[in-house]
PDB file of N, CA and C in Angstrom:
ATOM      1  N   MET A   1       0.854  -1.172   0.000  1.00  0.00           N
ATOM      2  CA  MET A   1       0.000   0.000   0.000  1.00  0.00           C
ATOM      3  C   MET A   1       0.898   1.232   0.000  1.00  0.00           C
ATOM      4  N   VAL A   2       0.602   2.178  -0.858  1.00  0.00           N
ATOM      5  CA  VAL A   2       1.366   3.420  -0.928  1.00  0.00           C
ATOM      6  C   VAL A   2       0.402   4.569  -0.717  1.00  0.00           C
ATOM      7  N   GLU A   3       0.718   5.441   0.191  1.00  0.00           N
ATOM      8  CA  GLU A   3      -0.136   6.580   0.488  1.00  0.00           C
ATOM      9  C   GLU A   3       0.518   7.864   0.024  1.00  0.00           C
ATOM     10  N   THR A   4      -0.257   8.739  -0.552  1.00  0.00           N
ATOM     11  CA  THR A   4       0.170  10.114  -0.809  1.00  0.00           C
ATOM     12  C   THR A   4      -0.860  11.006  -0.156  1.00  0.00           C
ATOM     13  N   MET A   5      -0.424  12.127   0.324  1.00  0.00           N
ATOM     14  CA  MET A   5      -1.332  13.001   1.040  1.00  0.00           C
ATOM     15  C   MET A   5      -1.205  14.430   0.541  1.00  0.00           C
ATOM     16  N   LYS A   6      -2.301  15.013   0.117  1.00  0.00           N
ATOM     17  CA  LYS A   6      -2.353  16.436  -0.164  1.00  0.00           C
ATOM     18  C   LYS A   6      -3.775  16.772  -0.569  1.00  0.00           C
ATOM     19  N   ARG A   7      -4.469  17.479   0.286  1.00  0.00           N
ATOM     20  CA  ARG A   7      -5.817  17.922   0.017  1.00  0.00           C
ATOM     21  C   ARG A   7      -5.986  19.285   0.662  1.00  0.00           C
ATOM     22  N   TRP A   8      -6.981  20.022   0.241  1.00  0.00           N
ATOM     23  CA  TRP A   8      -7.204  21.329   0.852  1.00  0.00           C
ATOM     24  C   TRP A   8      -7.459  21.174   2.345  1.00  0.00           C
ATOM     25  N   ASN A   9      -8.094  20.100   2.756  1.00  0.00           N
ATOM     26  CA  ASN A   9      -8.403  19.891   4.162  1.00  0.00           C
ATOM     27  C   ASN A   9      -7.489  18.853   4.799  1.00  0.00           C
ATOM     28  N   GLY A  10      -6.377  18.614   4.161  1.00  0.00           N
ATOM     29  CA  GLY A  10      -5.408  17.671   4.701  1.00  0.00           C
ATOM     30  C   GLY A  10      -4.034  18.303   4.757  1.00  0.00           C
ATOM     31  N   TRP A  11      -3.033  17.528   4.587  1.00  0.00           N
ATOM     32  CA  TRP A  11      -1.678  18.034   4.607  1.00  0.00           C
ATOM     33  C   TRP A  11      -0.807  17.070   3.847  1.00  0.00           C
ATOM     34  N   GLY A  12       0.404  17.439   3.650  1.00  0.00           N
ATOM     35  CA  GLY A  12       1.346  16.529   3.017  1.00  0.00           C
ATOM     36  C   GLY A  12       1.862  17.056   1.691  1.00  0.00           C
ATOM     37  N   ASP A  13       2.652  16.272   1.079  1.00  0.00           N
ATOM     38  CA  ASP A  13       3.298  16.616  -0.175  1.00  0.00           C
ATOM     39  C   ASP A  13       3.006  15.494  -1.150  1.00  0.00           C
ATOM     40  N   SER A  14       2.238  15.787  -2.201  1.00  0.00           N
ATOM     41  CA  SER A  14       1.815  14.734  -3.120  1.00  0.00           C
ATOM     42  C   SER A  14       2.964  14.159  -3.931  1.00  0.00           C
ATOM     43  N   SER A  15       4.139  14.781  -3.872  1.00  0.00           N
ATOM     44  CA  SER A  15       5.283  14.217  -4.589  1.00  0.00           C
ATOM     45  C   SER A  15       5.997  13.152  -3.757  1.00  0.00           C
ATOM     46  N   LYS A  16       5.613  13.001  -2.505  1.00  0.00           N
ATOM     47  CA  LYS A  16       6.219  12.005  -1.624  1.00  0.00           C
ATOM     48  C   LYS A  16       5.251  10.852  -1.422  1.00  0.00           C
ATOM     49  N   THR A  17       5.760   9.656  -1.405  1.00  0.00           N
ATOM     50  CA  THR A  17       4.946   8.482  -1.117  1.00  0.00           C
ATOM     51  C   THR A  17       5.485   7.805   0.141  1.00  0.00           C
ATOM     52  N   TYR A  18       4.605   7.125   0.819  1.00  0.00           N
ATOM     53  CA  TYR A  18       4.956   6.473   2.073  1.00  0.00           C
ATOM     54  C   TYR A  18       4.512   5.016   2.003  1.00  0.00           C
ATOM     55  N   PRO A  19       5.362   4.122   1.512  1.00  0.00           N
ATOM     56  CA  PRO A  19       4.970   2.716   1.417  1.00  0.00           C
ATOM     57  C   PRO A  19       4.694   2.122   2.801  1.00  0.00           C
ATOM     58  N   LEU A  20       3.599   1.411   2.906  1.00  0.00           N
ATOM     59  CA  LEU A  20       3.232   0.750   4.152  1.00  0.00           C
ATOM     60  C   LEU A  20       3.366  -0.747   3.930  1.00  0.00           C
ATOM     61  N   PRO A  21       4.263  -1.404   4.656  1.00  0.00           N
ATOM     62  CA  PRO A  21       4.452  -2.840   4.458  1.00  0.00           C
ATOM     63  C   PRO A  21       3.153  -3.616   4.720  1.00  0.00           C
ATOM     64  N   ALA A  22       2.977  -4.700   3.994  1.00  0.00           N
ATOM     65  CA  ALA A  22       1.781  -5.539   4.152  1.00  0.00           C
ATOM     66  C   ALA A  22       1.626  -6.009   5.592  1.00  0.00           C
ATOM     67  N   SER A  23       2.732  -6.277   6.272  1.00  0.00           N
ATOM     68  CA  SER A  23       2.644  -6.718   7.672  1.00  0.00           C
ATOM     69  C   SER A  23       2.050  -5.615   8.551  1.00  0.00           C
ATOM     70  N   ALA A  24       2.360  -4.372   8.262  1.00  0.00           N
ATOM     71  CA  ALA A  24       1.801  -3.259   9.030  1.00  0.00           C
ATOM     72  C   ALA A  24       0.312  -3.109   8.750  1.00  0.00           C
ATOM     73  N   VAL A  25      -0.097  -3.309   7.506  1.00  0.00           N
ATOM     74  CA  VAL A  25      -1.515  -3.248   7.151  1.00  0.00           C
ATOM     75  C   VAL A  25      -2.286  -4.326   7.905  1.00  0.00           C
ATOM     76  N   ARG A  26      -1.756  -5.536   7.938  1.00  0.00           N
ATOM     77  CA  ARG A  26      -2.421  -6.631   8.661  1.00  0.00           C
ATOM     78  C   ARG A  26      -2.490  -6.330  10.161  1.00  0.00           C
ATOM     79  N   TYR A  27      -1.415  -5.832  10.721  1.00  0.00           N
ATOM     80  CA  TYR A  27      -1.382  -5.504  12.149  1.00  0.00           C
ATOM     81  C   TYR A  27      -2.436  -4.441  12.482  1.00  0.00           C
ATOM     82  N   LEU A  28      -2.456  -3.365  11.715  1.00  0.00           N
ATOM     83  CA  LEU A  28      -3.419  -2.296  11.984  1.00  0.00           C
ATOM     84  C   LEU A  28      -4.851  -2.780  11.810  1.00  0.00           C
ATOM     85  N   ALA A  29      -5.097  -3.603  10.801  1.00  0.00           N
ATOM     86  CA  ALA A  29      -6.442  -4.140  10.596  1.00  0.00           C
ATOM     87  C   ALA A  29      -6.863  -5.003  11.778  1.00  0.00           C
ATOM     88  N   ALA A  30      -5.930  -5.760  12.344  1.00  0.00           N
ATOM     89  CA  ALA A  30      -6.245  -6.611  13.488  1.00  0.00           C
ATOM     90  C   ALA A  30      -6.516  -5.776  14.742  1.00  0.00           C
ATOM     91  N   ILE A  31      -5.814  -4.676  14.892  1.00  0.00           N
ATOM     92  CA  ILE A  31      -5.951  -3.846  16.095  1.00  0.00           C
ATOM     93  C   ILE A  31      -7.141  -2.896  16.009  1.00  0.00           C
ATOM     94  N   ILE A  32      -7.283  -2.203  14.871  1.00  0.00           N
ATOM     95  CA  ILE A  32      -8.319  -1.165  14.787  1.00  0.00           C
ATOM     96  C   ILE A  32      -9.378  -1.445  13.724  1.00  0.00           C
ATOM     97  N   GLY A  33      -9.242  -2.527  13.006  1.00  0.00           N
ATOM     98  CA  GLY A  33     -10.224  -2.857  11.977  1.00  0.00           C
ATOM     99  C   GLY A  33      -9.799  -2.335  10.612  1.00  0.00           C
ATOM    100  N   GLU A  34     -10.594  -2.709   9.622  1.00  0.00           N
ATOM    101  CA  GLU A  34     -10.303  -2.278   8.261  1.00  0.00           C
ATOM    102  C   GLU A  34     -10.438  -0.758   8.165  1.00  0.00           C
ATOM    103  N   GLY A  35      -9.581  -0.164   7.388  1.00  0.00           N
ATOM    104  CA  GLY A  35      -9.637   1.278   7.191  1.00  0.00           C
ATOM    105  C   GLY A  35     -10.792   1.698   6.318  1.00  0.00           C
ATOM    106  N   GLN A  36     -11.308   2.862   6.571  1.00  0.00           N
ATOM    107  CA  GLN A  36     -12.368   3.449   5.771  1.00  0.00           C
ATOM    108  C   GLN A  36     -11.905   4.818   5.299  1.00  0.00           C
ATOM    109  N   PRO A  37     -12.062   5.100   4.022  1.00  0.00           N
ATOM    110  CA  PRO A  37     -11.658   6.428   3.556  1.00  0.00           C
ATOM    111  C   PRO A  37     -12.479   7.499   4.258  1.00  0.00           C
ATOM    112  N   ALA A  38     -11.835   8.583   4.580  1.00  0.00           N
ATOM    113  CA  ALA A  38     -12.537   9.707   5.204  1.00  0.00           C
ATOM    114  C   ALA A  38     -13.487  10.327   4.192  1.00  0.00           C
ATOM    115  N   LEU A  39     -14.634  10.777   4.688  1.00  0.00           N
ATOM    116  CA  LEU A  39     -15.569  11.461   3.808  1.00  0.00           C
ATOM    117  C   LEU A  39     -14.950  12.792   3.406  1.00  0.00           C
ATOM    118  N   ASP A  40     -15.097  13.115   2.149  1.00  0.00           N
ATOM    119  CA  ASP A  40     -14.551  14.369   1.654  1.00  0.00           C
ATOM    120  C   ASP A  40     -15.667  15.398   1.618  1.00  0.00           C
ATOM    121  N   ALA A  41     -15.321  16.624   1.899  1.00  0.00           N
ATOM    122  CA  ALA A  41     -16.296  17.706   1.852  1.00  0.00           C
ATOM    123  C   ALA A  41     -15.749  18.795   0.943  1.00  0.00           C
ATOM    124  N   PRO A  42     -16.578  19.305   0.052  1.00  0.00           N
ATOM    125  CA  PRO A  42     -16.114  20.395  -0.802  1.00  0.00           C
ATOM    126  C   PRO A  42     -15.784  21.630   0.044  1.00  0.00           C
ATOM    127  N   LEU A  43     -14.771  22.345  -0.352  1.00  0.00           N
ATOM    128  CA  LEU A  43     -14.336  23.540   0.385  1.00  0.00           C
ATOM    129  C   LEU A  43     -15.492  24.511   0.574  1.00  0.00           C
ATOM    130  N   GLU A  44     -16.295  24.719  -0.462  1.00  0.00           N
ATOM    131  CA  GLU A  44     -17.404  25.668  -0.380  1.00  0.00           C
ATOM    132  C   GLU A  44     -18.405  25.265   0.708  1.00  0.00           C
ATOM    133  N   GLU A  45     -18.656  23.958   0.829  1.00  0.00           N
ATOM    134  CA  GLU A  45     -19.592  23.468   1.847  1.00  0.00           C
ATOM    135  C   GLU A  45     -19.072  23.752   3.249  1.00  0.00           C
ATOM    136  N   VAL A  46     -17.797  23.514   3.461  1.00  0.00           N
ATOM    137  CA  VAL A  46     -17.208  23.758   4.775  1.00  0.00           C
ATOM    138  C   VAL A  46     -17.213  25.249   5.091  1.00  0.00           C
ATOM    139  N   LEU A  47     -16.831  26.078   4.125  1.00  0.00           N
ATOM    140  CA  LEU A  47     -16.805  27.524   4.356  1.00  0.00           C
ATOM    141  C   LEU A  47     -18.189  28.073   4.675  1.00  0.00           C
ATOM    142  N   SER A  48     -19.209  27.528   4.028  1.00  0.00           N
ATOM    143  CA  SER A  48     -20.568  28.024   4.275  1.00  0.00           C
ATOM    144  C   SER A  48     -21.076  27.655   5.664  1.00  0.00           C
ATOM    145  N   SER A  49     -20.442  26.685   6.315  1.00  0.00           N
ATOM    146  CA  SER A  49     -20.893  26.275   7.651  1.00  0.00           C
ATOM    147  C   SER A  49     -20.181  27.037   8.779  1.00  0.00           C
ATOM    148  N   ILE A  50     -19.244  27.901   8.426  1.00  0.00           N
ATOM    149  CA  ILE A  50     -18.507  28.661   9.443  1.00  0.00           C
ATOM    150  C   ILE A  50     -19.295  29.912   9.804  1.00  0.00           C
ATOM    151  N   PRO A  51     -19.618  30.097  11.076  1.00  0.00           N
ATOM    152  CA  PRO A  51     -20.386  31.285  11.467  1.00  0.00           C
ATOM    153  C   PRO A  51     -19.528  32.543  11.373  1.00  0.00           C
ATOM    154  N   PRO A  52     -20.166  33.705  11.334  1.00  0.00           N
ATOM    155  CA  PRO A  52     -19.402  34.959  11.307  1.00  0.00           C
ATOM    156  C   PRO A  52     -18.526  35.076  12.557  1.00  0.00           C
ATOM    157  N   SER A  53     -17.450  35.801  12.418  1.00  0.00           N
ATOM    158  CA  SER A  53     -16.529  35.992  13.536  1.00  0.00           C
ATOM    159  C   SER A  53     -17.194  36.773  14.662  1.00  0.00           C
ATOM    160  N   ARG A  54     -16.850  36.409  15.884  1.00  0.00           N
ATOM    161  CA  ARG A  54     -17.337  37.134  17.058  1.00  0.00           C
ATOM    162  C   ARG A  54     -16.253  38.047  17.621  1.00  0.00           C
ATOM    163  N   LEU A  55     -15.114  38.105  16.929  1.00  0.00           N
ATOM    164  CA  LEU A  55     -14.041  38.979  17.405  1.00  0.00           C
ATOM    165  C   LEU A  55     -14.458  40.432  17.274  1.00  0.00           C
ATOM    166  N   PRO A  56     -14.129  41.243  18.264  1.00  0.00           N
ATOM    167  CA  PRO A  56     -14.417  42.665  18.118  1.00  0.00           C
ATOM    168  C   PRO A  56     -13.532  43.269  17.030  1.00  0.00           C
ATOM    169  N   THR A  57     -14.024  44.316  16.397  1.00  0.00           N
ATOM    170  CA  THR A  57     -13.244  44.986  15.372  1.00  0.00           C
ATOM    171  C   THR A  57     -11.957  45.533  15.988  1.00  0.00           C
ATOM    172  N   HIS A  58     -10.860  45.266  15.304  1.00  0.00           N
ATOM    173  CA  HIS A  58      -9.549  45.720  15.786  1.00  0.00           C
ATOM    174  C   HIS A  58      -8.662  45.936  14.563  1.00  0.00           C
ATOM    175  N   PRO A  59      -7.870  46.998  14.541  1.00  0.00           N
ATOM    176  CA  PRO A  59      -7.056  47.273  13.353  1.00  0.00           C
ATOM    177  C   PRO A  59      -5.970  46.217  13.087  1.00  0.00           C
ATOM    178  N   LEU A  60      -5.616  45.438  14.083  1.00  0.00           N
ATOM    179  CA  LEU A  60      -4.577  44.426  13.882  1.00  0.00           C
ATOM    180  C   LEU A  60      -5.135  43.034  13.588  1.00  0.00           C
ATOM    181  N   ILE A  61      -6.475  42.924  13.522  1.00  0.00           N
ATOM    182  CA  ILE A  61      -7.095  41.625  13.273  1.00  0.00           C
ATOM    183  C   ILE A  61      -7.925  41.707  11.997  1.00  0.00           C
ATOM    184  N   SER A  62      -7.665  40.766  11.087  1.00  0.00           N
ATOM    185  CA  SER A  62      -8.443  40.677   9.859  1.00  0.00           C
ATOM    186  C   SER A  62      -9.317  39.438   9.926  1.00  0.00           C
ATOM    187  N   THR A  63     -10.598  39.591   9.613  1.00  0.00           N
ATOM    188  CA  THR A  63     -11.496  38.441   9.569  1.00  0.00           C
ATOM    189  C   THR A  63     -11.832  38.054   8.137  1.00  0.00           C
ATOM    190  N   ASP A  64     -11.074  38.558   7.195  1.00  0.00           N
ATOM    191  CA  ASP A  64     -11.272  38.204   5.765  1.00  0.00           C
ATOM    192  C   ASP A  64     -11.062  36.734   5.546  1.00  0.00           C
TER     193      ASP A  64
END
């Protein structure tokens, strides 16, 4: 199994791969169960769910 990581809501460098040995996959499956891909959410959906800032107006703080 080879993993690459880079998403707007994730982290990592898509030019790097991290091979996971089959023995590690079996071990993790035995301990925590089979892996499930995380649900992805479009950036627009996440941004629309963020409430307006409650910070008081201040010249050194931007809420843009």
